[in-house]
């Protein structure tokens, strides 16, 4: 049952991220949606750790299936990218246009890696 709940939340987070990207022309709406999706996703990671001891399982790299190691790598990358894209987004919100050239490609990369995380979670 918890697996279905996590998968549903994960799908909704990705949907919210995609929706947020479509609202990028509406600065405040885009920011609100993206912050909500990122926070929800980080809470989802915490939920999975608390209920499944995910870090302990993931740390057994040599005995894990390759797809699990790929999934873990993608999930960690997503979290790290969230912090980077959030940082640049905050700078943009404060009027620093010099970071726009970084924010967009890192945002696209973050969404792509998050979608790959969703796909690999279904293959585990």
PDB file of N, CA and C in Angstrom:
ATOM      1  N   UNK A   1       0.824  -1.206   0.000  1.00  0.00           N
ATOM      2  CA  UNK A   1       0.000   0.000   0.000  1.00  0.00           C
ATOM      3  C   UNK A   1       0.862   1.260   0.000  1.00  0.00           C
ATOM      4  N   UNK A   2       1.916   1.279   0.817  1.00  0.00           N
ATOM      5  CA  UNK A   2       2.741   2.482   0.879  1.00  0.00           C
ATOM      6  C   UNK A   2       3.433   2.736  -0.461  1.00  0.00           C
ATOM      7  N   UNK A   3       3.744   1.683  -1.192  1.00  0.00           N
ATOM      8  CA  UNK A   3       4.386   1.835  -2.498  1.00  0.00           C
ATOM      9  C   UNK A   3       3.473   2.604  -3.455  1.00  0.00           C
ATOM     10  N   UNK A   4       2.205   2.266  -3.461  1.00  0.00           N
ATOM     11  CA  UNK A   4       1.241   2.962  -4.315  1.00  0.00           C
ATOM     12  C   UNK A   4       1.122   4.432  -3.908  1.00  0.00           C
ATOM     13  N   UNK A   5       1.121   4.681  -2.616  1.00  0.00           N
ATOM     14  CA  UNK A   5       1.041   6.050  -2.113  1.00  0.00           C
ATOM     15  C   UNK A   5       2.270   6.856  -2.540  1.00  0.00           C
ATOM     16  N   UNK A   6       3.458   6.265  -2.423  1.00  0.00           N
ATOM     17  CA  UNK A   6       4.681   6.960  -2.820  1.00  0.00           C
ATOM     18  C   UNK A   6       4.704   7.206  -4.321  1.00  0.00           C
ATOM     19  N   UNK A   7       4.286   6.214  -5.100  1.00  0.00           N
ATOM     20  CA  UNK A   7       4.277   6.351  -6.556  1.00  0.00           C
ATOM     21  C   UNK A   7       3.289   7.434  -6.980  1.00  0.00           C
ATOM     22  N   UNK A   8       2.136   7.470  -6.338  1.00  0.00           N
ATOM     23  CA  UNK A   8       1.129   8.480  -6.655  1.00  0.00           C
ATOM     24  C   UNK A   8       1.660   9.873  -6.346  1.00  0.00           C
ATOM     25  N   UNK A   9       2.259  10.024  -5.174  1.00  0.00           N
ATOM     26  CA  UNK A   9       2.833  11.324  -4.804  1.00  0.00           C
ATOM     27  C   UNK A   9       3.933  11.725  -5.785  1.00  0.00           C
ATOM     28  N   UNK A  10       4.767  10.782  -6.153  1.00  0.00           N
ATOM     29  CA  UNK A  10       5.865  11.054  -7.075  1.00  0.00           C
ATOM     30  C   UNK A  10       5.326  11.525  -8.423  1.00  0.00           C
ATOM     31  N   UNK A  11       4.313  10.850  -8.926  1.00  0.00           N
ATOM     32  CA  UNK A  11       3.678  11.231 -10.189  1.00  0.00           C
ATOM     33  C   UNK A  11       3.081  12.639 -10.082  1.00  0.00           C
ATOM     34  N   UNK A  12       2.426  12.932  -8.964  1.00  0.00           N
ATOM     35  CA  UNK A  12       1.821  14.252  -8.765  1.00  0.00           C
ATOM     36  C   UNK A  12       2.884  15.351  -8.676  1.00  0.00           C
ATOM     37  N   UNK A  13       3.998  15.051  -8.020  1.00  0.00           N
ATOM     38  CA  UNK A  13       5.091  16.020  -7.930  1.00  0.00           C
ATOM     39  C   UNK A  13       5.622  16.341  -9.327  1.00  0.00           C
ATOM     40  N   UNK A  14       5.859  15.315 -10.135  1.00  0.00           N
ATOM     41  CA  UNK A  14       6.346  15.542 -11.500  1.00  0.00           C
ATOM     42  C   UNK A  14       5.315  16.342 -12.303  1.00  0.00           C
ATOM     43  N   UNK A  15       4.050  16.008 -12.156  1.00  0.00           N
ATOM     44  CA  UNK A  15       2.998  16.764 -12.829  1.00  0.00           C
ATOM     45  C   UNK A  15       2.991  18.224 -12.405  1.00  0.00           C
ATOM     46  N   UNK A  16       3.176  18.456 -11.117  1.00  0.00           N
ATOM     47  CA  UNK A  16       3.207  19.825 -10.600  1.00  0.00           C
ATOM     48  C   UNK A  16       4.436  20.575 -11.125  1.00  0.00           C
ATOM     49  N   UNK A  17       5.567  19.901 -11.198  1.00  0.00           N
ATOM     50  CA  UNK A  17       6.775  20.524 -11.760  1.00  0.00           C
ATOM     51  C   UNK A  17       6.557  20.919 -13.221  1.00  0.00           C
ATOM     52  N   UNK A  18       5.966  20.018 -13.987  1.00  0.00           N
ATOM     53  CA  UNK A  18       5.692  20.313 -15.401  1.00  0.00           C
ATOM     54  C   UNK A  18       4.717  21.482 -15.517  1.00  0.00           C
ATOM     55  N   UNK A  19       3.682  21.467 -14.701  1.00  0.00           N
ATOM     56  CA  UNK A  19       2.722  22.572 -14.697  1.00  0.00           C
ATOM     57  C   UNK A  19       3.422  23.886 -14.334  1.00  0.00           C
ATOM     58  N   UNK A  20       4.299  23.827 -13.351  1.00  0.00           N
ATOM     59  CA  UNK A  20       5.041  25.016 -12.940  1.00  0.00           C
ATOM     60  C   UNK A  20       5.899  25.576 -14.062  1.00  0.00           C
ATOM     61  N   UNK A  21       6.508  24.701 -14.840  1.00  0.00           N
ATOM     62  CA  UNK A  21       7.318  25.144 -15.982  1.00  0.00           C
ATOM     63  C   UNK A  21       6.440  25.863 -17.005  1.00  0.00           C
ATOM     64  N   UNK A  22       5.233  25.367 -17.193  1.00  0.00           N
ATOM     65  CA  UNK A  22       4.340  26.016 -18.170  1.00  0.00           C
ATOM     66  C   UNK A  22       3.904  27.402 -17.708  1.00  0.00           C
ATOM     67  N   UNK A  23       4.060  27.690 -16.436  1.00  0.00           N
ATOM     68  CA  UNK A  23       3.665  28.987 -15.877  1.00  0.00           C
ATOM     69  C   UNK A  23       4.866  29.913 -15.669  1.00  0.00           C
ATOM     70  N   UNK A  24       5.980  29.636 -16.355  1.00  0.00           N
ATOM     71  CA  UNK A  24       7.193  30.416 -16.140  1.00  0.00           C
ATOM     72  C   UNK A  24       7.053  31.887 -16.544  1.00  0.00           C
ATOM     73  N   UNK A  25       6.108  32.188 -17.395  1.00  0.00           N
ATOM     74  CA  UNK A  25       5.888  33.587 -17.802  1.00  0.00           C
ATOM     75  C   UNK A  25       5.167  34.386 -16.710  1.00  0.00           C
ATOM     76  N   UNK A  26       4.557  33.663 -15.768  1.00  0.00           N
ATOM     77  CA  UNK A  26       3.865  34.283 -14.632  1.00  0.00           C
ATOM     78  C   UNK A  26       4.741  34.071 -13.392  1.00  0.00           C
ATOM     79  N   UNK A  27       5.664  34.995 -13.192  1.00  0.00           N
ATOM     80  CA  UNK A  27       6.741  34.859 -12.211  1.00  0.00           C
ATOM     81  C   UNK A  27       6.295  34.345 -10.838  1.00  0.00           C
ATOM     82  N   UNK A  28       5.328  35.003 -10.232  1.00  0.00           N
ATOM     83  CA  UNK A  28       4.960  34.640  -8.866  1.00  0.00           C
ATOM     84  C   UNK A  28       4.235  33.293  -8.800  1.00  0.00           C
ATOM     85  N   UNK A  29       3.398  33.018  -9.785  1.00  0.00           N
ATOM     86  CA  UNK A  29       2.728  31.721  -9.829  1.00  0.00           C
ATOM     87  C   UNK A  29       3.746  30.609 -10.058  1.00  0.00           C
ATOM     88  N   UNK A  30       4.673  30.838 -10.993  1.00  0.00           N
ATOM     89  CA  UNK A  30       5.734  29.875 -11.271  1.00  0.00           C
ATOM     90  C   UNK A  30       6.538  29.583  -9.996  1.00  0.00           C
ATOM     91  N   UNK A  31       6.930  30.629  -9.298  1.00  0.00           N
ATOM     92  CA  UNK A  31       7.730  30.456  -8.078  1.00  0.00           C
ATOM     93  C   UNK A  31       6.958  29.672  -7.021  1.00  0.00           C
ATOM     94  N   UNK A  32       5.703  29.998  -6.838  1.00  0.00           N
ATOM     95  CA  UNK A  32       4.892  29.330  -5.820  1.00  0.00           C
ATOM     96  C   UNK A  32       4.718  27.844  -6.145  1.00  0.00           C
ATOM     97  N   UNK A  33       4.422  27.547  -7.402  1.00  0.00           N
ATOM     98  CA  UNK A  33       4.226  26.153  -7.816  1.00  0.00           C
ATOM     99  C   UNK A  33       5.518  25.366  -7.664  1.00  0.00           C
ATOM    100  N   UNK A  34       6.624  25.934  -8.117  1.00  0.00           N
ATOM    101  CA  UNK A  34       7.898  25.213  -8.083  1.00  0.00           C
ATOM    102  C   UNK A  34       8.372  24.991  -6.634  1.00  0.00           C
ATOM    103  N   UNK A  35       8.227  25.994  -5.804  1.00  0.00           N
ATOM    104  CA  UNK A  35       8.610  25.832  -4.389  1.00  0.00           C
ATOM    105  C   UNK A  35       7.758  24.751  -3.723  1.00  0.00           C
ATOM    106  N   UNK A  36       6.468  24.737  -4.026  1.00  0.00           N
ATOM    107  CA  UNK A  36       5.576  23.720  -3.461  1.00  0.00           C
ATOM    108  C   UNK A  36       5.989  22.327  -3.921  1.00  0.00           C
ATOM    109  N   UNK A  37       6.267  22.184  -5.214  1.00  0.00           N
ATOM    110  CA  UNK A  37       6.648  20.875  -5.758  1.00  0.00           C
ATOM    111  C   UNK A  37       7.969  20.393  -5.167  1.00  0.00           C
ATOM    112  N   UNK A  38       8.943  21.295  -5.053  1.00  0.00           N
ATOM    113  CA  UNK A  38      10.243  20.919  -4.498  1.00  0.00           C
ATOM    114  C   UNK A  38      10.094  20.509  -3.037  1.00  0.00           C
ATOM    115  N   UNK A  39       9.370  21.302  -2.264  1.00  0.00           N
ATOM    116  CA  UNK A  39       9.163  20.969  -0.849  1.00  0.00           C
ATOM    117  C   UNK A  39       8.444  19.636  -0.707  1.00  0.00           C
ATOM    118  N   UNK A  40       7.410  19.419  -1.492  1.00  0.00           N
ATOM    119  CA  UNK A  40       6.658  18.159  -1.451  1.00  0.00           C
ATOM    120  C   UNK A  40       7.582  16.993  -1.784  1.00  0.00           C
ATOM    121  N   UNK A  41       8.428  17.175  -2.787  1.00  0.00           N
ATOM    122  CA  UNK A  41       9.331  16.098  -3.181  1.00  0.00           C
ATOM    123  C   UNK A  41      10.351  15.801  -2.084  1.00  0.00           C
ATOM    124  N   UNK A  42      10.867  16.831  -1.445  1.00  0.00           N
ATOM    125  CA  UNK A  42      11.814  16.610  -0.344  1.00  0.00           C
ATOM    126  C   UNK A  42      11.128  15.909   0.828  1.00  0.00           C
ATOM    127  N   UNK A  43       9.874  16.264   1.088  1.00  0.00           N
ATOM    128  CA  UNK A  43       9.113  15.575   2.135  1.00  0.00           C
ATOM    129  C   UNK A  43       8.858  14.115   1.747  1.00  0.00           C
ATOM    130  N   UNK A  44       8.645  13.869   0.468  1.00  0.00           N
ATOM    131  CA  UNK A  44       8.462  12.502  -0.018  1.00  0.00           C
ATOM    132  C   UNK A  44       9.727  11.679   0.202  1.00  0.00           C
ATOM    133  N   UNK A  45      10.873  12.269  -0.072  1.00  0.00           N
ATOM    134  CA  UNK A  45      12.152  11.587   0.179  1.00  0.00           C
ATOM    135  C   UNK A  45      12.268  11.248   1.666  1.00  0.00           C
ATOM    136  N   UNK A  46      11.902  12.187   2.529  1.00  0.00           N
ATOM    137  CA  UNK A  46      11.948  11.948   3.971  1.00  0.00           C
ATOM    138  C   UNK A  46      10.983  10.831   4.375  1.00  0.00           C
ATOM    139  N   UNK A  47       9.786  10.834   3.796  1.00  0.00           N
ATOM    140  CA  UNK A  47       8.804   9.773   4.072  1.00  0.00           C
ATOM    141  C   UNK A  47       9.375   8.406   3.706  1.00  0.00           C
ATOM    142  N   UNK A  48       9.972   8.324   2.524  1.00  0.00           N
ATOM    143  CA  UNK A  48      10.515   7.049   2.053  1.00  0.00           C
ATOM    144  C   UNK A  48      11.641   6.586   2.967  1.00  0.00           C
ATOM    145  N   UNK A  49      12.482   7.509   3.395  1.00  0.00           N
ATOM    146  CA  UNK A  49      13.571   7.135   4.303  1.00  0.00           C
ATOM    147  C   UNK A  49      13.008   6.645   5.637  1.00  0.00           C
ATOM    148  N   UNK A  50      12.045   7.347   6.174  1.00  0.00           N
ATOM    149  CA  UNK A  50      11.499   6.981   7.480  1.00  0.00           C
ATOM    150  C   UNK A  50      10.744   5.658   7.469  1.00  0.00           C
ATOM    151  N   UNK A  51      10.111   5.323   6.360  1.00  0.00           N
ATOM    152  CA  UNK A  51       9.308   4.093   6.315  1.00  0.00           C
ATOM    153  C   UNK A  51      10.035   2.905   5.704  1.00  0.00           C
ATOM    154  N   UNK A  52      11.081   3.164   4.938  1.00  0.00           N
ATOM    155  CA  UNK A  52      11.751   2.067   4.228  1.00  0.00           C
ATOM    156  C   UNK A  52      13.246   1.964   4.490  1.00  0.00           C
ATOM    157  N   UNK A  53      13.794   2.839   5.297  1.00  0.00           N
ATOM    158  CA  UNK A  53      15.243   2.881   5.525  1.00  0.00           C
ATOM    159  C   UNK A  53      15.997   2.880   4.196  1.00  0.00           C
ATOM    160  N   UNK A  54      15.607   3.779   3.336  1.00  0.00           N
ATOM    161  CA  UNK A  54      16.130   3.826   1.970  1.00  0.00           C
ATOM    162  C   UNK A  54      17.638   4.052   1.926  1.00  0.00           C
ATOM    163  N   UNK A  55      18.159   4.876   2.802  1.00  0.00           N
ATOM    164  CA  UNK A  55      19.595   5.158   2.782  1.00  0.00           C
ATOM    165  C   UNK A  55      20.393   3.901   3.107  1.00  0.00           C
ATOM    166  N   UNK A  56      19.926   3.150   4.079  1.00  0.00           N
ATOM    167  CA  UNK A  56      20.620   1.901   4.438  1.00  0.00           C
ATOM    168  C   UNK A  56      20.624   0.933   3.256  1.00  0.00           C
ATOM    169  N   UNK A  57      19.477   0.773   2.610  1.00  0.00           N
ATOM    170  CA  UNK A  57      19.390  -0.122   1.447  1.00  0.00           C
ATOM    171  C   UNK A  57      20.265   0.387   0.298  1.00  0.00           C
ATOM    172  N   UNK A  58      20.219   1.688   0.065  1.00  0.00           N
ATOM    173  CA  UNK A  58      20.971   2.273  -1.055  1.00  0.00           C
ATOM    174  C   UNK A  58      22.475   2.186  -0.835  1.00  0.00           C
ATOM    175  N   UNK A  59      22.890   2.154   0.417  1.00  0.00           N
ATOM    176  CA  UNK A  59      24.326   2.125   0.708  1.00  0.00           C
ATOM    177  C   UNK A  59      24.970   0.778   0.378  1.00  0.00           C
ATOM    178  N   UNK A  60      24.169  -0.232   0.112  1.00  0.00           N
ATOM    179  CA  UNK A  60      24.684  -1.562  -0.235  1.00  0.00           C
ATOM    180  C   UNK A  60      24.884  -1.653  -1.757  1.00  0.00           C
ATOM    181  N   UNK A  61      25.680  -0.736  -2.272  1.00  0.00           N
ATOM    182  CA  UNK A  61      25.849  -0.557  -3.715  1.00  0.00           C
ATOM    183  C   UNK A  61      26.288  -1.841  -4.411  1.00  0.00           C
ATOM    184  N   UNK A  62      27.203  -2.572  -3.819  1.00  0.00           N
ATOM    185  CA  UNK A  62      27.740  -3.759  -4.490  1.00  0.00           C
ATOM    186  C   UNK A  62      26.744  -4.903  -4.588  1.00  0.00           C
ATOM    187  N   UNK A  63      25.776  -4.937  -3.679  1.00  0.00           N
ATOM    188  CA  UNK A  63      24.803  -6.034  -3.721  1.00  0.00           C
ATOM    189  C   UNK A  63      23.448  -5.614  -4.311  1.00  0.00           C
ATOM    190  N   UNK A  64      23.269  -4.330  -4.569  1.00  0.00           N
ATOM    191  CA  UNK A  64      22.012  -3.850  -5.144  1.00  0.00           C
ATOM    192  C   UNK A  64      21.944  -4.148  -6.635  1.00  0.00           C
ATOM    193  N   UNK A  65      20.721  -4.260  -7.130  1.00  0.00           N
ATOM    194  CA  UNK A  65      20.515  -4.387  -8.571  1.00  0.00           C
ATOM    195  C   UNK A  65      20.962  -3.084  -9.236  1.00  0.00           C
ATOM    196  N   UNK A  66      21.442  -3.199 -10.461  1.00  0.00           N
ATOM    197  CA  UNK A  66      21.936  -2.023 -11.188  1.00  0.00           C
ATOM    198  C   UNK A  66      20.863  -0.937 -11.293  1.00  0.00           C
ATOM    199  N   UNK A  67      19.614  -1.317 -11.530  1.00  0.00           N
ATOM    200  CA  UNK A  67      18.549  -0.324 -11.683  1.00  0.00           C
ATOM    201  C   UNK A  67      18.327   0.452 -10.383  1.00  0.00           C
ATOM    202  N   UNK A  68      18.505  -0.211  -9.237  1.00  0.00           N
ATOM    203  CA  UNK A  68      18.378   0.480  -7.952  1.00  0.00           C
ATOM    204  C   UNK A  68      19.507   1.497  -7.795  1.00  0.00           C
ATOM    205  N   UNK A  69      20.728   1.120  -8.159  1.00  0.00           N
ATOM    206  CA  UNK A  69      21.848   2.054  -8.073  1.00  0.00           C
ATOM    207  C   UNK A  69      21.649   3.245  -9.005  1.00  0.00           C
ATOM    208  N   UNK A  70      21.116   2.991 -10.186  1.00  0.00           N
ATOM    209  CA  UNK A  70      20.824   4.088 -11.118  1.00  0.00           C
ATOM    210  C   UNK A  70      19.757   5.000 -10.519  1.00  0.00           C
ATOM    211  N   UNK A  71      18.700   4.393  -9.981  1.00  0.00           N
ATOM    212  CA  UNK A  71      17.614   5.164  -9.372  1.00  0.00           C
ATOM    213  C   UNK A  71      18.130   6.030  -8.218  1.00  0.00           C
ATOM    214  N   UNK A  72      18.940   5.464  -7.365  1.00  0.00           N
ATOM    215  CA  UNK A  72      19.476   6.204  -6.219  1.00  0.00           C
ATOM    216  C   UNK A  72      20.341   7.371  -6.707  1.00  0.00           C
ATOM    217  N   UNK A  73      21.155   7.124  -7.709  1.00  0.00           N
ATOM    218  CA  UNK A  73      21.997   8.189  -8.266  1.00  0.00           C
ATOM    219  C   UNK A  73      21.150   9.321  -8.829  1.00  0.00           C
ATOM    220  N   UNK A  74      20.100   8.969  -9.526  1.00  0.00           N
ATOM    221  CA  UNK A  74      19.193   9.985 -10.078  1.00  0.00           C
ATOM    222  C   UNK A  74      18.481  10.750  -8.963  1.00  0.00           C
ATOM    223  N   UNK A  75      18.028  10.036  -7.936  1.00  0.00           N
ATOM    224  CA  UNK A  75      17.308  10.681  -6.830  1.00  0.00           C
ATOM    225  C   UNK A  75      18.216  11.661  -6.083  1.00  0.00           C
ATOM    226  N   UNK A  76      19.446  11.253  -5.830  1.00  0.00           N
ATOM    227  CA  UNK A  76      20.398  12.150  -5.147  1.00  0.00           C
ATOM    228  C   UNK A  76      20.697  13.358  -6.032  1.00  0.00           C
ATOM    229  N   UNK A  77      20.881  13.109  -7.320  1.00  0.00           N
ATOM    230  CA  UNK A  77      21.139  14.212  -8.262  1.00  0.00           C
ATOM    231  C   UNK A  77      19.981  15.195  -8.283  1.00  0.00           C
ATOM    232  N   UNK A  78      18.764  14.679  -8.248  1.00  0.00           N
ATOM    233  CA  UNK A  78      17.583  15.547  -8.249  1.00  0.00           C
ATOM    234  C   UNK A  78      17.591  16.473  -7.041  1.00  0.00           C
ATOM    235  N   UNK A  79      17.858  15.922  -5.874  1.00  0.00           N
ATOM    236  CA  UNK A  79      17.867  16.736  -4.651  1.00  0.00           C
ATOM    237  C   UNK A  79      18.951  17.811  -4.736  1.00  0.00           C
ATOM    238  N   UNK A  80      20.134  17.439  -5.181  1.00  0.00           N
ATOM    239  CA  UNK A  80      21.215  18.417  -5.309  1.00  0.00           C
ATOM    240  C   UNK A  80      20.852  19.503  -6.323  1.00  0.00           C
ATOM    241  N   UNK A  81      20.267  19.093  -7.441  1.00  0.00           N
ATOM    242  CA  UNK A  81      19.854  20.059  -8.459  1.00  0.00           C
ATOM    243  C   UNK A  81      18.750  20.981  -7.946  1.00  0.00           C
ATOM    244  N   UNK A  82      17.862  20.459  -7.085  1.00  0.00           N
ATOM    245  CA  UNK A  82      16.826  21.315  -6.489  1.00  0.00           C
ATOM    246  C   UNK A  82      17.468  22.502  -5.763  1.00  0.00           C
ATOM    247  N   UNK A  83      18.511  22.235  -4.998  1.00  0.00           N
ATOM    248  CA  UNK A  83      19.159  23.315  -4.252  1.00  0.00           C
ATOM    249  C   UNK A  83      19.787  24.342  -5.191  1.00  0.00           C
ATOM    250  N   UNK A  84      20.378  23.867  -6.270  1.00  0.00           N
ATOM    251  CA  UNK A  84      21.010  24.772  -7.225  1.00  0.00           C
ATOM    252  C   UNK A  84      19.971  25.620  -7.948  1.00  0.00           C
ATOM    253  N   UNK A  85      18.931  24.967  -8.464  1.00  0.00           N
ATOM    254  CA  UNK A  85      17.905  25.712  -9.215  1.00  0.00           C
ATOM    255  C   UNK A  85      17.141  26.657  -8.281  1.00  0.00           C
ATOM    256  N   UNK A  86      16.951  26.263  -7.041  1.00  0.00           N
ATOM    257  CA  UNK A  86      16.290  27.130  -6.058  1.00  0.00           C
ATOM    258  C   UNK A  86      17.147  28.369  -5.787  1.00  0.00           C
ATOM    259  N   UNK A  87      18.452  28.159  -5.655  1.00  0.00           N
ATOM    260  CA  UNK A  87      19.379  29.263  -5.411  1.00  0.00           C
ATOM    261  C   UNK A  87      19.299  30.285  -6.552  1.00  0.00           C
ATOM    262  N   UNK A  88      19.400  29.784  -7.790  1.00  0.00           N
ATOM    263  CA  UNK A  88      19.335  30.692  -8.938  1.00  0.00           C
ATOM    264  C   UNK A  88      17.954  31.341  -9.063  1.00  0.00           C
ATOM    265  N   UNK A  89      16.916  30.598  -8.747  1.00  0.00           N
ATOM    266  CA  UNK A  89      15.566  31.153  -8.791  1.00  0.00           C
ATOM    267  C   UNK A  89      15.394  32.290  -7.799  1.00  0.00           C
ATOM    268  N   UNK A  90      15.948  32.138  -6.610  1.00  0.00           N
ATOM    269  CA  UNK A  90      15.874  33.215  -5.607  1.00  0.00           C
ATOM    270  C   UNK A  90      16.648  34.442  -6.066  1.00  0.00           C
ATOM    271  N   UNK A  91      17.796  34.233  -6.685  1.00  0.00           N
ATOM    272  CA  UNK A  91      18.580  35.361  -7.204  1.00  0.00           C
ATOM    273  C   UNK A  91      17.778  36.091  -8.293  1.00  0.00           C
ATOM    274  N   UNK A  92      17.132  35.326  -9.160  1.00  0.00           N
ATOM    275  CA  UNK A  92      16.293  35.933 -10.202  1.00  0.00           C
ATOM    276  C   UNK A  92      15.150  36.724  -9.581  1.00  0.00           C
ATOM    277  N   UNK A  93      14.527  36.159  -8.563  1.00  0.00           N
ATOM    278  CA  UNK A  93      13.394  36.821  -7.903  1.00  0.00           C
ATOM    279  C   UNK A  93      13.817  38.149  -7.280  1.00  0.00           C
ATOM    280  N   UNK A  94      15.088  38.237  -6.906  1.00  0.00           N
ATOM    281  CA  UNK A  94      15.617  39.471  -6.314  1.00  0.00           C
ATOM    282  C   UNK A  94      16.143  40.436  -7.375  1.00  0.00           C
ATOM    283  N   UNK A  95      15.958  40.052  -8.651  1.00  0.00           N
ATOM    284  CA  UNK A  95      16.315  40.969  -9.730  1.00  0.00           C
ATOM    285  C   UNK A  95      17.679  40.748 -10.367  1.00  0.00           C
ATOM    286  N   UNK A  96      18.379  39.703  -9.980  1.00  0.00           N
ATOM    287  CA  UNK A  96      19.698  39.420 -10.552  1.00  0.00           C
ATOM    288  C   UNK A  96      19.542  38.655 -11.868  1.00  0.00           C
ATOM    289  N   UNK A  97      19.450  39.384 -12.948  1.00  0.00           N
ATOM    290  CA  UNK A  97      19.234  38.777 -14.266  1.00  0.00           C
ATOM    291  C   UNK A  97      20.459  38.022 -14.776  1.00  0.00           C
ATOM    292  N   UNK A  98      21.611  38.216 -14.159  1.00  0.00           N
ATOM    293  CA  UNK A  98      22.831  37.549 -14.628  1.00  0.00           C
ATOM    294  C   UNK A  98      22.764  36.027 -14.455  1.00  0.00           C
ATOM    295  N   UNK A  99      21.871  35.541 -13.613  1.00  0.00           N
ATOM    296  CA  UNK A  99      21.773  34.091 -13.375  1.00  0.00           C
ATOM    297  C   UNK A  99      20.734  33.409 -14.255  1.00  0.00           C
ATOM    298  N   UNK A 100      19.993  34.193 -15.029  1.00  0.00           N
ATOM    299  CA  UNK A 100      18.942  33.617 -15.881  1.00  0.00           C
ATOM    300  C   UNK A 100      19.521  32.570 -16.831  1.00  0.00           C
ATOM    301  N   UNK A 101      20.718  32.839 -17.356  1.00  0.00           N
ATOM    302  CA  UNK A 101      21.349  31.918 -18.305  1.00  0.00           C
ATOM    303  C   UNK A 101      21.679  30.578 -17.657  1.00  0.00           C
ATOM    304  N   UNK A 102      21.749  30.532 -16.336  1.00  0.00           N
ATOM    305  CA  UNK A 102      22.003  29.279 -15.618  1.00  0.00           C
ATOM    306  C   UNK A 102      20.710  28.626 -15.145  1.00  0.00           C
ATOM    307  N   UNK A 103      19.780  29.461 -14.721  1.00  0.00           N
ATOM    308  CA  UNK A 103      18.546  28.947 -14.113  1.00  0.00           C
ATOM    309  C   UNK A 103      17.750  28.065 -15.080  1.00  0.00           C
ATOM    310  N   UNK A 104      17.579  28.528 -16.304  1.00  0.00           N
ATOM    311  CA  UNK A 104      16.759  27.776 -17.255  1.00  0.00           C
ATOM    312  C   UNK A 104      17.357  26.414 -17.597  1.00  0.00           C
ATOM    313  N   UNK A 105      18.639  26.318 -18.023  1.00  0.00           N
ATOM    314  CA  UNK A 105      19.160  24.986 -18.351  1.00  0.00           C
ATOM    315  C   UNK A 105      19.248  24.056 -17.139  1.00  0.00           C
ATOM    316  N   UNK A 106      19.549  24.608 -15.973  1.00  0.00           N
ATOM    317  CA  UNK A 106      19.594  23.764 -14.772  1.00  0.00           C
ATOM    318  C   UNK A 106      18.181  23.322 -14.401  1.00  0.00           C
ATOM    319  N   UNK A 107      17.206  24.179 -14.611  1.00  0.00           N
ATOM    320  CA  UNK A 107      15.809  23.802 -14.375  1.00  0.00           C
ATOM    321  C   UNK A 107      15.368  22.677 -15.296  1.00  0.00           C
ATOM    322  N   UNK A 108      15.742  22.772 -16.567  1.00  0.00           N
ATOM    323  CA  UNK A 108      15.403  21.713 -17.529  1.00  0.00           C
ATOM    324  C   UNK A 108      16.100  20.410 -17.144  1.00  0.00           C
ATOM    325  N   UNK A 109      17.370  20.511 -16.765  1.00  0.00           N
ATOM    326  CA  UNK A 109      18.112  19.323 -16.326  1.00  0.00           C
ATOM    327  C   UNK A 109      17.458  18.710 -15.088  1.00  0.00           C
ATOM    328  N   UNK A 110      17.078  19.547 -14.142  1.00  0.00           N
ATOM    329  CA  UNK A 110      16.446  19.065 -12.912  1.00  0.00           C
ATOM    330  C   UNK A 110      15.150  18.321 -13.222  1.00  0.00           C
ATOM    331  N   UNK A 111      14.316  18.892 -14.065  1.00  0.00           N
ATOM    332  CA  UNK A 111      13.056  18.234 -14.432  1.00  0.00           C
ATOM    333  C   UNK A 111      13.323  16.916 -15.159  1.00  0.00           C
ATOM    334  N   UNK A 112      14.295  16.906 -16.051  1.00  0.00           N
ATOM    335  CA  UNK A 112      14.633  15.688 -16.795  1.00  0.00           C
ATOM    336  C   UNK A 112      15.106  14.586 -15.852  1.00  0.00           C
ATOM    337  N   UNK A 113      15.973  14.947 -14.914  1.00  0.00           N
ATOM    338  CA  UNK A 113      16.483  13.960 -13.956  1.00  0.00           C
ATOM    339  C   UNK A 113      15.355  13.486 -13.048  1.00  0.00           C
ATOM    340  N   UNK A 114      14.439  14.391 -12.676  1.00  0.00           N
ATOM    341  CA  UNK A 114      13.308  13.989 -11.817  1.00  0.00           C
ATOM    342  C   UNK A 114      12.381  13.031 -12.549  1.00  0.00           C
ATOM    343  N   UNK A 115      12.154  13.269 -13.837  1.00  0.00           N
ATOM    344  CA  UNK A 115      11.326  12.350 -14.627  1.00  0.00           C
ATOM    345  C   UNK A 115      12.015  10.992 -14.728  1.00  0.00           C
ATOM    346  N   UNK A 116      13.329  10.988 -14.931  1.00  0.00           N
ATOM    347  CA  UNK A 116      14.085   9.728 -14.974  1.00  0.00           C
ATOM    348  C   UNK A 116      14.006   9.001 -13.629  1.00  0.00           C
ATOM    349  N   UNK A 117      13.990   9.758 -12.543  1.00  0.00           N
ATOM    350  CA  UNK A 117      13.840   9.157 -11.208  1.00  0.00           C
ATOM    351  C   UNK A 117      12.476   8.477 -11.085  1.00  0.00           C
ATOM    352  N   UNK A 118      11.438   9.143 -11.575  1.00  0.00           N
ATOM    353  CA  UNK A 118      10.089   8.553 -11.562  1.00  0.00           C
ATOM    354  C   UNK A 118      10.057   7.266 -12.375  1.00  0.00           C
ATOM    355  N   UNK A 119      10.647   7.297 -13.553  1.00  0.00           N
ATOM    356  CA  UNK A 119      10.649   6.112 -14.420  1.00  0.00           C
ATOM    357  C   UNK A 119      11.391   4.957 -13.758  1.00  0.00           C
ATOM    358  N   UNK A 120      12.575   5.232 -13.238  1.00  0.00           N
ATOM    359  CA  UNK A 120      13.347   4.145 -12.607  1.00  0.00           C
ATOM    360  C   UNK A 120      12.692   3.623 -11.345  1.00  0.00           C
ATOM    361  N   UNK A 121      11.948   4.481 -10.642  1.00  0.00           N
ATOM    362  CA  UNK A 121      11.255   3.986  -9.434  1.00  0.00           C
ATOM    363  C   UNK A 121      10.205   2.946  -9.792  1.00  0.00           C
ATOM    364  N   UNK A 122       9.668   3.043 -11.000  1.00  0.00           N
ATOM    365  CA  UNK A 122       8.686   2.060 -11.450  1.00  0.00           C
ATOM    366  C   UNK A 122       9.334   0.774 -11.932  1.00  0.00           C
ATOM    367  N   UNK A 123      10.631   0.783 -12.147  1.00  0.00           N
ATOM    368  CA  UNK A 123      11.350  -0.396 -12.625  1.00  0.00           C
ATOM    369  C   UNK A 123      11.986  -1.209 -11.495  1.00  0.00           C
ATOM    370  N   UNK A 124      11.936  -0.675 -10.303  1.00  0.00           N
ATOM    371  CA  UNK A 124      12.555  -1.361  -9.151  1.00  0.00           C
ATOM    372  C   UNK A 124      11.625  -2.453  -8.651  1.00  0.00           C
TER     373      UNK A 124
END
